[in-house]
Protein backbone atom coordinates (compact mmCIF):
# COMPACT_ATOMS: atom_id res chain seq x y z
CA UNK A 1 35.15 67.73 139.31
CA UNK A 2 35.47 64.07 140.31
CA UNK A 3 32.71 61.55 139.63
CA UNK A 4 31.55 61.26 143.30
CA UNK A 5 31.25 65.04 143.53
CA UNK A 6 29.32 65.23 140.26
CA UNK A 7 26.97 62.52 141.51
CA UNK A 8 26.18 64.42 144.73
CA UNK A 9 25.64 67.63 142.78
CA UNK A 10 23.09 65.80 140.62
CA UNK A 11 21.41 64.30 143.71
CA UNK A 12 21.19 67.73 145.33
CA UNK A 13 19.73 69.26 142.17
CA UNK A 14 17.16 66.47 141.97
CA UNK A 15 16.15 67.04 145.60
CA UNK A 16 15.71 70.76 144.97
CA UNK A 17 13.55 69.98 141.94
CA UNK A 18 11.38 67.53 143.91
CA UNK A 19 10.91 70.05 146.73
CA UNK A 20 9.91 72.71 144.20
CA UNK A 21 7.37 70.35 142.63
CA UNK A 22 5.98 69.43 146.07
CA UNK A 23 5.66 73.11 146.96
CA UNK A 24 3.86 73.88 143.72
CA UNK A 25 1.42 70.99 144.26
CA UNK A 26 0.75 72.23 147.82
CA UNK A 27 -0.08 75.70 146.50
CA UNK A 28 -2.27 74.38 143.69
CA UNK A 29 -4.31 71.91 145.76
CA UNK A 30 -7.50 73.47 147.22
CA UNK A 31 -7.32 74.28 150.92
CA UNK A 32 -10.19 73.00 153.01
CA UNK A 33 -11.64 75.80 155.16
CA UNK A 34 -11.06 75.35 158.89
CA UNK A 35 -14.06 75.93 161.18
CA UNK A 36 -13.53 76.21 164.93
CA UNK A 37 -16.54 75.37 167.11
CA UNK A 38 -16.55 77.04 170.52
CA UNK A 39 -19.07 76.72 173.33
CA UNK A 40 -19.42 76.35 177.07
CA UNK A 41 -19.41 73.07 178.99
CA UNK A 42 -21.66 74.67 181.64
CA UNK A 43 -25.03 72.84 181.82
CA UNK A 44 -27.09 76.04 181.55
CA UNK A 45 -25.56 76.75 178.15
CA UNK A 46 -26.14 73.32 176.60
CA UNK A 47 -29.23 73.16 174.38
CA UNK A 48 -29.70 69.40 173.93
CA UNK A 49 -30.17 68.22 177.49
CA UNK A 50 -28.93 64.66 176.97
CA UNK A 51 -25.47 66.18 176.48
CA UNK A 52 -25.46 67.68 179.98
CA UNK A 53 -23.08 65.94 182.35
CA UNK A 54 -21.05 64.32 179.58
CA UNK A 55 -18.28 66.91 179.66
CA UNK A 56 -19.25 68.05 176.18
CA UNK A 57 -20.95 71.11 174.78
CA UNK A 58 -23.11 72.26 171.88
CA UNK A 59 -20.13 71.88 169.57
CA UNK A 60 -20.82 68.14 169.31
CA UNK A 61 -24.28 68.82 167.91
CA UNK A 62 -23.13 71.68 165.67
CA UNK A 63 -20.48 69.47 164.09
CA UNK A 64 -23.00 66.66 163.56
CA UNK A 65 -25.41 69.11 161.95
CA UNK A 66 -22.74 70.34 159.53
CA UNK A 67 -21.76 66.74 158.80
CA UNK A 68 -25.35 65.67 158.09
CA UNK A 69 -25.73 68.69 155.81
CA UNK A 70 -22.78 67.45 153.77
CA UNK A 71 -20.45 70.29 154.80
CA UNK A 72 -18.03 68.12 156.83
CA UNK A 73 -16.05 67.20 154.85
CA UNK A 74 -14.93 69.30 152.94
CA UNK A 75 -14.82 71.58 155.97
CA UNK A 76 -12.22 70.69 158.58
CA UNK A 77 -13.54 71.27 162.11
CA UNK A 78 -11.94 71.61 165.50
CA UNK A 79 -13.63 72.05 168.88
CA UNK A 80 -12.74 74.36 171.74
CA UNK A 81 -14.64 73.82 175.03
CA UNK A 82 -14.98 76.86 177.30
CA UNK A 83 -15.04 76.69 181.09
CA UNK A 84 -14.50 79.30 183.81
CA UNK A 85 -10.70 78.95 183.52
CA UNK A 86 -10.52 79.22 179.74
CA UNK A 87 -7.57 81.15 178.33
CA UNK A 88 -7.00 79.68 174.89
CA UNK A 89 -6.78 82.86 172.81
CA UNK A 90 -3.29 82.09 171.54
CA UNK A 91 -4.28 78.50 170.70
CA UNK A 92 -7.18 79.75 168.59
CA UNK A 93 -4.93 82.31 166.91
CA UNK A 94 -2.44 79.56 166.07
CA UNK A 95 -5.15 77.51 164.33
CA UNK A 96 -5.86 80.47 161.99
CA UNK A 97 -9.44 79.33 161.39
CA UNK A 98 -11.47 80.61 158.47
CA UNK A 99 -14.57 80.67 160.64
CA UNK A 100 -15.20 80.63 164.39
CA UNK A 101 -18.68 79.52 165.42
CA UNK A 102 -19.21 80.63 169.00
CA UNK A 103 -22.10 80.84 171.45
CA UNK A 104 -22.61 84.45 172.53
CA UNK A 105 -23.12 83.34 176.14
CA UNK A 106 -20.16 80.93 176.12
CA UNK A 107 -18.33 83.00 178.74
CA UNK A 108 -21.44 83.99 180.70
CA UNK A 109 -22.73 80.54 181.65
CA UNK A 110 -19.51 79.39 183.36
CA UNK A 111 -19.45 82.68 185.29
CA UNK A 112 -23.09 82.41 186.29
CA UNK A 113 -22.59 78.83 187.38
CA UNK A 114 -20.61 80.36 190.25
CA UNK A 115 -22.78 83.46 190.80
CA UNK A 116 -26.12 81.63 190.34
CA UNK A 117 -27.99 84.75 189.25
CA UNK A 118 -31.55 83.97 188.11
CA UNK A 119 -33.22 87.33 187.52
CA UNK A 120 -32.11 88.60 184.11
CA UNK A 121 -33.64 92.01 184.90
CA UNK A 122 -31.45 92.56 187.96
CA UNK A 123 -28.45 94.92 187.85
CA UNK A 124 -26.24 92.07 189.09
CA UNK A 125 -27.24 89.77 186.22
CA UNK A 126 -26.76 92.50 183.63
CA UNK A 127 -23.36 93.40 185.07
CA UNK A 128 -22.25 89.75 184.95
CA UNK A 129 -23.43 89.42 181.35
CA UNK A 130 -21.59 92.60 180.40
CA UNK A 131 -18.36 91.22 181.88
CA UNK A 132 -18.74 87.98 179.91
CA UNK A 133 -19.63 89.90 176.75
CA UNK A 134 -16.52 92.03 177.14
CA UNK A 135 -14.42 88.86 177.18
CA UNK A 136 -16.18 87.60 174.04
CA UNK A 137 -15.59 90.83 172.13
CA UNK A 138 -11.98 91.08 173.32
CA UNK A 139 -11.36 87.50 172.22
CA UNK A 140 -12.80 88.11 168.76
CA UNK A 141 -10.85 91.35 168.42
CA UNK A 142 -7.60 89.64 169.39
CA UNK A 143 -8.04 86.84 166.87
CA UNK A 144 -9.22 89.21 164.13
CA UNK A 145 -6.17 91.43 164.56
CA UNK A 146 -3.85 88.44 163.96
CA UNK A 147 -5.92 86.40 161.49
CA UNK A 148 -7.29 88.67 158.75
CA UNK A 149 -9.23 85.85 157.08
CA UNK A 150 -11.16 84.76 160.19
CA UNK A 151 -14.88 85.48 160.47
CA UNK A 152 -17.18 84.87 163.42
CA UNK A 153 -20.65 83.34 163.44
CA UNK A 154 -22.16 84.21 166.83
CA UNK A 155 -25.29 82.31 167.86
CA UNK A 156 -27.63 82.54 170.83
CA UNK A 157 -31.20 81.64 171.73
CA UNK A 158 -31.54 84.95 173.62
CA UNK A 159 -30.23 84.43 177.15
CA UNK A 160 -29.91 88.21 177.00
CA UNK A 161 -33.38 89.14 175.71
CA UNK A 162 -32.02 91.98 173.57
CA UNK A 163 -30.74 89.28 171.20
CA UNK A 164 -34.31 88.40 170.22
CA UNK A 165 -34.81 91.92 168.83
CA UNK A 166 -33.88 91.69 165.15
CA UNK A 167 -32.74 95.30 164.80
CA UNK A 168 -30.65 95.23 167.96
CA UNK A 169 -29.04 91.90 167.03
CA UNK A 170 -28.28 92.68 163.39
CA UNK A 171 -27.58 96.43 163.58
CA UNK A 172 -26.92 97.78 167.09
CA UNK A 173 -24.82 94.93 168.45
CA UNK A 174 -22.47 94.57 165.45
CA UNK A 175 -21.82 98.32 165.45
CA UNK A 176 -20.95 98.17 169.16
CA UNK A 177 -18.53 95.32 168.47
CA UNK A 178 -16.95 97.12 165.50
CA UNK A 179 -16.55 100.30 167.55
CA UNK A 180 -14.34 98.34 169.95
CA UNK A 181 -12.30 96.62 167.23
CA UNK A 182 -12.36 98.08 163.72
CA UNK A 183 -10.75 94.83 162.50
CA UNK A 184 -14.11 93.13 163.11
CA UNK A 185 -16.01 95.29 160.65
CA UNK A 186 -18.06 93.04 158.38
CA UNK A 187 -16.62 89.90 159.97
CA UNK A 188 -19.13 89.17 162.76
CA UNK A 189 -22.44 87.53 161.80
CA UNK A 190 -25.06 87.24 164.59
CA UNK A 191 -27.87 84.68 164.41
CA UNK A 192 -30.81 83.79 166.65
CA UNK A 193 -31.34 80.08 167.35
CA UNK A 194 -35.10 79.46 166.86
CA UNK A 195 -37.34 77.73 169.34
CA UNK A 196 -38.65 74.36 168.18
CA UNK A 197 -42.31 73.36 167.91
CA UNK A 198 -42.07 71.72 171.34
CA UNK A 199 -40.76 74.95 172.86
CA UNK A 200 -37.18 73.74 173.26
CA UNK A 201 -33.92 74.83 171.66
CA UNK A 202 -31.94 72.16 169.86
CA UNK A 203 -29.29 71.84 167.16
CA UNK A 204 -31.18 68.76 166.00
CA UNK A 205 -34.15 70.83 164.81
CA UNK A 206 -34.30 70.95 160.98
CA UNK A 207 -34.89 74.72 161.02
CA UNK A 208 -31.84 75.31 163.21
CA UNK A 209 -29.67 73.07 161.06
CA UNK A 210 -30.83 74.85 157.90
CA UNK A 211 -29.96 78.19 159.53
CA UNK A 212 -26.46 77.02 160.43
CA UNK A 213 -25.84 75.48 157.02
CA UNK A 214 -27.01 78.49 155.00
CA UNK A 215 -24.88 80.89 157.05
CA UNK A 216 -21.74 78.74 156.92
CA UNK A 217 -22.18 78.27 153.17
CA UNK A 218 -22.60 82.01 152.58
CA UNK A 219 -19.76 83.10 154.89
CA UNK A 220 -17.22 80.69 153.42
CA UNK A 221 -18.58 81.07 149.87
CA UNK A 222 -19.07 77.33 149.51
CA UNK A 223 -20.87 75.87 146.49
CA UNK A 224 -24.52 75.34 147.27
CA UNK A 225 -25.68 71.75 147.57
CA UNK A 226 -28.05 70.52 144.89
CA UNK A 227 -31.54 69.95 146.24
């Protein structure tokens, strides 16, 4: 073998070695969990009213809460706004998030912005909510079937009043979801957003932030922050 050929063989071998080292380092380095925040941009679904009309959603406040709690970083977050034309299932699947935090009524409020139903006891309101809920469950089932590591933290203040019933929220509803998609068994965590002392709902309330932080920490098995 001539000298030029031997030199290129050595260069190629060195490149292979460097790539192997880089790959090993990538595998060894800890992976930061990815949390996807999903909520509606419809005004009726936004808790902190000064965010209405800005084109944003509750995800802005959820991210800030996690950041102030010291969870972002290390968590990496992304945001997915939901409107009446949303169809981003494949985009969410491609992100392969470890956790999806989603408003239970994220698909209902954009729909009801068009229908303008006000009586939650009416058959029309309940039918509209059921349609939106079907889309939520189908979305979670689709992602779960392609991303086995993804879990779902579903929050609501109780637009559908059944959500305020602890047994229905923590037992009946999850079983209904799991009956539709067995892949979701043990991977959907429902929480009720508490009302503040002033009667409002806000992701700026200390109690709400503590609720979010404790659930995210438990779901992702993060080390607990020292008090």
